[in-house]
N, C-alpha and C. Protein backbone atom coordinates (compact mmCIF):
# COMPACT_ATOMS: atom_id res chain seq x y z
N UNK A 1 -100.07 -139.20 -111.45
CA UNK A 1 -101.02 -139.62 -110.42
C UNK A 1 -100.69 -138.88 -109.13
N UNK A 2 -101.68 -138.22 -108.57
CA UNK A 2 -101.47 -137.40 -107.39
C UNK A 2 -101.57 -138.24 -106.12
N UNK A 3 -100.73 -137.87 -105.13
CA UNK A 3 -100.73 -138.59 -103.86
C UNK A 3 -100.88 -137.60 -102.71
N UNK A 4 -101.83 -137.89 -101.82
CA UNK A 4 -102.06 -137.07 -100.64
C UNK A 4 -101.62 -137.84 -99.41
N UNK A 5 -101.34 -137.09 -98.35
CA UNK A 5 -101.05 -137.71 -97.06
C UNK A 5 -101.72 -136.90 -95.97
N UNK A 6 -102.07 -137.59 -94.89
CA UNK A 6 -102.63 -136.89 -93.73
C UNK A 6 -102.30 -137.66 -92.47
N UNK A 7 -102.12 -136.93 -91.36
CA UNK A 7 -101.86 -137.59 -90.07
C UNK A 7 -103.18 -138.13 -89.52
N UNK A 8 -103.13 -139.33 -88.98
CA UNK A 8 -104.36 -139.97 -88.50
C UNK A 8 -104.21 -140.45 -87.06
N UNK A 9 -105.35 -140.43 -86.34
CA UNK A 9 -105.37 -140.90 -84.96
C UNK A 9 -105.48 -142.41 -84.87
N UNK A 10 -106.03 -143.04 -85.93
CA UNK A 10 -106.27 -144.48 -85.88
C UNK A 10 -106.12 -145.09 -87.27
N UNK A 11 -106.18 -146.40 -87.32
CA UNK A 11 -106.04 -147.14 -88.57
C UNK A 11 -107.37 -147.82 -88.86
N UNK A 12 -108.35 -147.03 -89.30
CA UNK A 12 -109.70 -147.54 -89.57
C UNK A 12 -110.15 -147.25 -90.99
N UNK A 13 -109.21 -147.30 -91.94
CA UNK A 13 -109.58 -147.06 -93.33
C UNK A 13 -110.20 -145.69 -93.52
N UNK A 14 -111.30 -145.65 -94.27
CA UNK A 14 -111.95 -144.37 -94.56
C UNK A 14 -112.53 -143.69 -93.31
N UNK A 15 -112.72 -144.46 -92.25
CA UNK A 15 -113.26 -143.89 -91.01
C UNK A 15 -112.17 -143.32 -90.11
N UNK A 16 -110.90 -143.44 -90.51
CA UNK A 16 -109.81 -142.89 -89.71
C UNK A 16 -109.96 -141.38 -89.58
N UNK A 17 -109.71 -140.88 -88.36
CA UNK A 17 -109.90 -139.45 -88.06
C UNK A 17 -108.56 -138.72 -88.12
N UNK A 18 -108.58 -137.53 -88.71
CA UNK A 18 -107.36 -136.73 -88.83
C UNK A 18 -106.86 -136.32 -87.45
N UNK A 19 -105.55 -136.32 -87.28
CA UNK A 19 -104.94 -135.98 -86.00
C UNK A 19 -104.79 -134.47 -85.86
N UNK A 20 -104.93 -133.99 -84.63
CA UNK A 20 -104.80 -132.56 -84.34
C UNK A 20 -103.41 -132.04 -84.69
N UNK A 21 -102.38 -132.83 -84.39
CA UNK A 21 -101.02 -132.37 -84.64
C UNK A 21 -100.30 -133.37 -85.51
N UNK A 22 -99.89 -132.94 -86.68
CA UNK A 22 -99.38 -133.89 -87.67
C UNK A 22 -98.11 -134.60 -87.23
N UNK A 23 -97.20 -133.93 -86.53
CA UNK A 23 -95.91 -134.52 -86.20
C UNK A 23 -95.98 -135.65 -85.21
N UNK A 24 -97.00 -135.65 -84.36
CA UNK A 24 -97.09 -136.67 -83.31
C UNK A 24 -98.25 -137.62 -83.54
N UNK A 25 -98.76 -137.65 -84.76
CA UNK A 25 -99.86 -138.56 -85.08
C UNK A 25 -99.36 -140.00 -85.03
N UNK A 26 -100.18 -140.93 -84.53
CA UNK A 26 -99.76 -142.32 -84.48
C UNK A 26 -99.63 -142.96 -85.88
N UNK A 27 -100.40 -142.43 -86.85
CA UNK A 27 -100.42 -143.00 -88.20
C UNK A 27 -100.40 -141.90 -89.25
N UNK A 28 -99.98 -142.29 -90.44
CA UNK A 28 -100.13 -141.43 -91.62
C UNK A 28 -100.92 -142.21 -92.66
N UNK A 29 -101.89 -141.54 -93.25
CA UNK A 29 -102.63 -142.14 -94.35
C UNK A 29 -102.08 -141.60 -95.66
N UNK A 30 -101.75 -142.50 -96.57
CA UNK A 30 -101.30 -142.12 -97.91
C UNK A 30 -102.42 -142.48 -98.87
N UNK A 31 -102.89 -141.49 -99.61
CA UNK A 31 -104.02 -141.68 -100.50
C UNK A 31 -103.58 -141.41 -101.93
N UNK A 32 -103.63 -142.43 -102.76
CA UNK A 32 -103.24 -142.29 -104.15
C UNK A 32 -104.49 -142.17 -105.01
N UNK A 33 -104.60 -141.06 -105.73
CA UNK A 33 -105.77 -140.85 -106.58
C UNK A 33 -105.66 -141.72 -107.82
N UNK A 34 -106.78 -142.29 -108.23
CA UNK A 34 -106.85 -143.10 -109.44
C UNK A 34 -107.85 -142.44 -110.38
N UNK A 35 -108.01 -143.00 -111.57
CA UNK A 35 -108.99 -142.44 -112.51
C UNK A 35 -110.37 -142.39 -111.86
N UNK A 36 -110.68 -143.44 -111.12
CA UNK A 36 -111.94 -143.45 -110.38
C UNK A 36 -111.64 -143.84 -108.95
N UNK A 37 -111.86 -142.91 -108.04
CA UNK A 37 -111.64 -143.19 -106.63
C UNK A 37 -110.18 -143.07 -106.23
N UNK A 38 -109.80 -143.81 -105.20
CA UNK A 38 -108.46 -143.71 -104.64
C UNK A 38 -108.12 -144.95 -103.83
N UNK A 39 -106.83 -145.16 -103.64
CA UNK A 39 -106.33 -146.24 -102.78
C UNK A 39 -105.82 -145.63 -101.49
N UNK A 40 -106.03 -146.32 -100.38
CA UNK A 40 -105.58 -145.86 -99.06
C UNK A 40 -104.53 -146.82 -98.52
N UNK A 41 -103.44 -146.25 -98.02
CA UNK A 41 -102.40 -147.03 -97.36
C UNK A 41 -102.10 -146.33 -96.04
N UNK A 42 -102.47 -146.96 -94.93
CA UNK A 42 -102.24 -146.36 -93.61
C UNK A 42 -101.04 -147.05 -92.96
N UNK A 43 -100.09 -146.23 -92.53
CA UNK A 43 -98.87 -146.76 -91.93
C UNK A 43 -98.61 -146.10 -90.58
N UNK A 44 -97.97 -146.85 -89.68
CA UNK A 44 -97.55 -146.28 -88.40
C UNK A 44 -96.56 -145.15 -88.65
N UNK A 45 -96.62 -144.11 -87.83
CA UNK A 45 -95.68 -143.00 -87.93
C UNK A 45 -94.31 -143.48 -87.45
N UNK A 46 -93.31 -143.54 -88.35
CA UNK A 46 -92.00 -144.02 -87.94
C UNK A 46 -91.19 -142.95 -87.20
N UNK A 47 -91.71 -141.72 -87.17
CA UNK A 47 -90.96 -140.59 -86.60
C UNK A 47 -91.74 -139.89 -85.50
N UNK A 48 -92.26 -140.64 -84.52
CA UNK A 48 -93.02 -139.97 -83.46
C UNK A 48 -92.14 -138.99 -82.69
N UNK A 49 -90.85 -139.30 -82.58
CA UNK A 49 -89.87 -138.33 -82.06
C UNK A 49 -89.05 -137.90 -83.26
N UNK A 50 -89.12 -136.62 -83.60
CA UNK A 50 -88.48 -136.18 -84.84
C UNK A 50 -87.88 -134.80 -84.71
N UNK A 51 -86.95 -134.52 -85.58
CA UNK A 51 -86.35 -133.18 -85.67
C UNK A 51 -87.10 -132.40 -86.74
N UNK A 52 -87.05 -131.05 -86.68
CA UNK A 52 -87.71 -130.26 -87.71
C UNK A 52 -87.25 -130.66 -89.11
N UNK A 53 -88.22 -130.81 -90.00
CA UNK A 53 -87.90 -131.13 -91.39
C UNK A 53 -87.92 -132.61 -91.72
N UNK A 54 -87.89 -133.47 -90.70
CA UNK A 54 -87.84 -134.91 -90.97
C UNK A 54 -89.14 -135.44 -91.59
N UNK A 55 -90.29 -135.00 -91.08
CA UNK A 55 -91.55 -135.51 -91.62
C UNK A 55 -91.78 -134.99 -93.05
N UNK A 56 -91.52 -133.71 -93.34
CA UNK A 56 -91.62 -133.30 -94.74
C UNK A 56 -90.69 -134.12 -95.64
N UNK A 57 -89.50 -134.47 -95.15
CA UNK A 57 -88.59 -135.32 -95.91
C UNK A 57 -89.17 -136.71 -96.15
N UNK A 58 -89.81 -137.27 -95.11
CA UNK A 58 -90.46 -138.57 -95.22
C UNK A 58 -91.56 -138.52 -96.28
N UNK A 59 -92.33 -137.44 -96.28
CA UNK A 59 -93.42 -137.30 -97.25
C UNK A 59 -92.86 -137.20 -98.67
N UNK A 60 -91.75 -136.47 -98.82
CA UNK A 60 -91.11 -136.36 -100.13
C UNK A 60 -90.64 -137.74 -100.60
N UNK A 61 -90.03 -138.52 -99.70
CA UNK A 61 -89.58 -139.87 -100.04
C UNK A 61 -90.75 -140.76 -100.48
N UNK A 62 -91.93 -140.49 -99.93
CA UNK A 62 -93.12 -141.27 -100.27
C UNK A 62 -93.89 -140.67 -101.45
N UNK A 63 -93.27 -139.70 -102.15
CA UNK A 63 -93.86 -139.09 -103.35
C UNK A 63 -95.20 -138.41 -103.10
N UNK A 64 -95.32 -137.76 -101.93
CA UNK A 64 -96.55 -137.05 -101.59
C UNK A 64 -96.56 -135.69 -102.29
N UNK A 65 -97.72 -135.35 -102.88
CA UNK A 65 -97.90 -134.06 -103.55
C UNK A 65 -98.66 -133.07 -102.68
N UNK A 66 -99.56 -133.59 -101.83
CA UNK A 66 -100.45 -132.75 -101.02
C UNK A 66 -100.49 -133.28 -99.60
N UNK A 67 -100.22 -132.40 -98.63
CA UNK A 67 -100.30 -132.76 -97.21
C UNK A 67 -101.54 -132.10 -96.63
N UNK A 68 -102.41 -132.90 -96.03
CA UNK A 68 -103.64 -132.39 -95.43
C UNK A 68 -103.48 -132.51 -93.92
N UNK A 69 -103.57 -131.38 -93.20
CA UNK A 69 -103.32 -131.39 -91.76
C UNK A 69 -104.37 -130.58 -91.03
N UNK A 70 -104.37 -130.72 -89.73
CA UNK A 70 -105.22 -129.89 -88.88
C UNK A 70 -104.34 -128.75 -88.36
N UNK A 71 -103.47 -129.04 -87.39
CA UNK A 71 -102.56 -128.03 -86.86
C UNK A 71 -101.15 -128.27 -87.35
N UNK A 72 -100.45 -127.18 -87.66
CA UNK A 72 -99.07 -127.29 -88.14
C UNK A 72 -98.38 -125.94 -87.94
N UNK A 73 -97.12 -125.98 -87.61
CA UNK A 73 -96.36 -124.75 -87.44
C UNK A 73 -95.91 -124.17 -88.77
N UNK A 74 -95.63 -122.89 -88.79
CA UNK A 74 -95.23 -122.22 -90.04
C UNK A 74 -93.89 -122.75 -90.56
N UNK A 75 -93.01 -123.14 -89.65
CA UNK A 75 -91.71 -123.67 -90.08
C UNK A 75 -91.89 -124.98 -90.84
N UNK A 76 -92.79 -125.83 -90.35
CA UNK A 76 -93.06 -127.10 -91.03
C UNK A 76 -93.65 -126.84 -92.42
N UNK A 77 -94.54 -125.86 -92.53
CA UNK A 77 -95.12 -125.52 -93.83
C UNK A 77 -94.02 -125.10 -94.80
N UNK A 78 -93.04 -124.33 -94.30
CA UNK A 78 -91.91 -123.92 -95.14
C UNK A 78 -91.14 -125.12 -95.66
N UNK A 79 -90.91 -126.12 -94.80
CA UNK A 79 -90.22 -127.34 -95.24
C UNK A 79 -91.01 -128.04 -96.35
N UNK A 80 -92.33 -128.16 -96.16
CA UNK A 80 -93.16 -128.80 -97.19
C UNK A 80 -93.08 -128.01 -98.50
N UNK A 81 -93.14 -126.69 -98.40
CA UNK A 81 -93.07 -125.85 -99.60
C UNK A 81 -91.76 -126.04 -100.34
N UNK A 82 -90.66 -126.22 -99.60
CA UNK A 82 -89.36 -126.45 -100.23
C UNK A 82 -89.36 -127.73 -101.06
N UNK A 83 -90.19 -128.71 -100.67
CA UNK A 83 -90.29 -129.97 -101.40
C UNK A 83 -91.43 -129.94 -102.43
N UNK A 84 -91.99 -128.74 -102.67
CA UNK A 84 -93.13 -128.60 -103.60
C UNK A 84 -94.32 -129.46 -103.20
N UNK A 85 -94.54 -129.56 -101.88
CA UNK A 85 -95.71 -130.28 -101.36
C UNK A 85 -96.72 -129.23 -100.90
N UNK A 86 -97.90 -129.28 -101.49
CA UNK A 86 -98.97 -128.35 -101.14
C UNK A 86 -99.53 -128.72 -99.77
N UNK A 87 -99.87 -127.72 -98.94
CA UNK A 87 -100.37 -127.99 -97.59
C UNK A 87 -101.76 -127.37 -97.41
N UNK A 88 -102.69 -128.19 -96.93
CA UNK A 88 -104.01 -127.70 -96.53
C UNK A 88 -104.07 -127.76 -95.01
N UNK A 89 -104.27 -126.59 -94.36
CA UNK A 89 -104.30 -126.51 -92.90
C UNK A 89 -105.73 -126.35 -92.38
N UNK A 90 -105.91 -126.72 -91.11
CA UNK A 90 -107.19 -126.51 -90.44
C UNK A 90 -108.28 -127.46 -90.87
N UNK A 91 -107.89 -128.63 -91.40
CA UNK A 91 -108.86 -129.60 -91.90
C UNK A 91 -109.29 -130.53 -90.77
N UNK A 92 -110.57 -130.85 -90.71
CA UNK A 92 -111.06 -131.78 -89.69
C UNK A 92 -111.96 -132.82 -90.33
N UNK A 93 -112.24 -133.88 -89.57
CA UNK A 93 -113.13 -134.93 -90.06
C UNK A 93 -112.40 -136.24 -90.24
N UNK A 94 -113.09 -137.18 -90.89
CA UNK A 94 -112.45 -138.46 -91.16
C UNK A 94 -111.96 -138.49 -92.61
N UNK A 95 -111.17 -139.50 -92.91
CA UNK A 95 -110.53 -139.59 -94.22
C UNK A 95 -111.55 -139.52 -95.36
N UNK A 96 -112.63 -140.23 -95.22
CA UNK A 96 -113.65 -140.26 -96.28
C UNK A 96 -114.22 -138.87 -96.53
N UNK A 97 -114.59 -138.15 -95.46
CA UNK A 97 -115.15 -136.79 -95.62
C UNK A 97 -114.13 -135.87 -96.26
N UNK A 98 -112.88 -135.96 -95.80
CA UNK A 98 -111.82 -135.09 -96.31
C UNK A 98 -111.60 -135.36 -97.79
N UNK A 99 -111.57 -136.63 -98.18
CA UNK A 99 -111.35 -136.97 -99.59
C UNK A 99 -112.54 -136.53 -100.45
N UNK A 100 -113.76 -136.64 -99.92
CA UNK A 100 -114.92 -136.16 -100.68
C UNK A 100 -114.80 -134.66 -100.93
N UNK A 101 -114.38 -133.92 -99.88
CA UNK A 101 -114.19 -132.48 -100.04
C UNK A 101 -113.09 -132.18 -101.05
N UNK A 102 -111.98 -132.92 -100.96
CA UNK A 102 -110.85 -132.68 -101.86
C UNK A 102 -111.26 -132.96 -103.31
N UNK A 103 -111.90 -134.08 -103.54
CA UNK A 103 -112.26 -134.48 -104.91
C UNK A 103 -113.32 -133.57 -105.52
N UNK A 104 -114.12 -132.90 -104.67
CA UNK A 104 -115.12 -131.97 -105.19
C UNK A 104 -114.64 -130.52 -105.10
N UNK A 105 -113.33 -130.34 -104.90
CA UNK A 105 -112.70 -129.01 -104.82
C UNK A 105 -113.28 -128.14 -103.71
N UNK A 106 -113.71 -128.76 -102.62
CA UNK A 106 -114.25 -128.01 -101.49
C UNK A 106 -113.31 -127.96 -100.29
N UNK A 107 -112.09 -128.47 -100.47
CA UNK A 107 -111.13 -128.45 -99.36
C UNK A 107 -110.38 -127.12 -99.42
N UNK A 108 -110.35 -126.42 -98.30
CA UNK A 108 -109.70 -125.11 -98.27
C UNK A 108 -108.57 -125.09 -97.26
N UNK A 109 -107.53 -124.34 -97.61
CA UNK A 109 -106.39 -124.14 -96.70
C UNK A 109 -106.74 -122.98 -95.78
N UNK A 110 -106.76 -123.25 -94.47
CA UNK A 110 -107.03 -122.21 -93.48
C UNK A 110 -105.69 -121.75 -92.90
N UNK A 111 -105.13 -120.68 -93.49
CA UNK A 111 -103.82 -120.18 -93.05
C UNK A 111 -103.81 -119.74 -91.60
N UNK A 112 -104.98 -119.41 -91.06
CA UNK A 112 -105.05 -118.93 -89.68
C UNK A 112 -104.98 -120.07 -88.67
N UNK A 113 -105.11 -121.32 -89.16
CA UNK A 113 -105.11 -122.46 -88.25
C UNK A 113 -103.68 -122.94 -88.07
N UNK A 114 -103.02 -122.40 -87.08
CA UNK A 114 -101.62 -122.75 -86.84
C UNK A 114 -101.47 -123.80 -85.78
N UNK A 115 -100.34 -123.79 -85.17
CA UNK A 115 -100.02 -124.73 -84.11
C UNK A 115 -99.68 -123.87 -82.89
N UNK A 116 -100.54 -123.87 -81.90
CA UNK A 116 -100.40 -122.91 -80.80
C UNK A 116 -100.02 -123.54 -79.47
N UNK A 117 -99.28 -124.64 -79.51
CA UNK A 117 -98.86 -125.21 -78.23
C UNK A 117 -97.35 -125.42 -78.22
N UNK A 118 -96.83 -125.63 -77.04
CA UNK A 118 -95.39 -125.77 -76.89
C UNK A 118 -94.90 -127.14 -77.35
N UNK A 119 -93.68 -127.13 -77.86
CA UNK A 119 -93.05 -128.38 -78.28
C UNK A 119 -91.83 -128.62 -77.44
N UNK A 120 -91.57 -129.88 -77.17
CA UNK A 120 -90.39 -130.23 -76.39
C UNK A 120 -89.59 -131.24 -77.21
N UNK A 121 -88.82 -130.74 -78.16
CA UNK A 121 -88.05 -131.62 -79.02
C UNK A 121 -86.68 -131.85 -78.42
């Protein structure tokens, strides 16, 4: 059973909107695919202040197979890849739209959509 995760700005179920920057998102949505449809579990981000690699580690602990993000740095993508977690970058919209795209194989990874702002860790 495949499990996806995405950073979210709010806790509104399928209407939750993806966060611009995954590391500082207030929430993470965990989506477990089922034979028909999926289950959603939205949790507060326990690592709003984090060191590099901590969030990919958290996703691995939560058995995530696919990370769906908007903006992300290349170093973070490398951490996810080390855990065999697939990353889709440059994704926008709400959880329902994103899942519809994913389930119909219309979700694309935009490698050009990086993270272009300064971090103060």
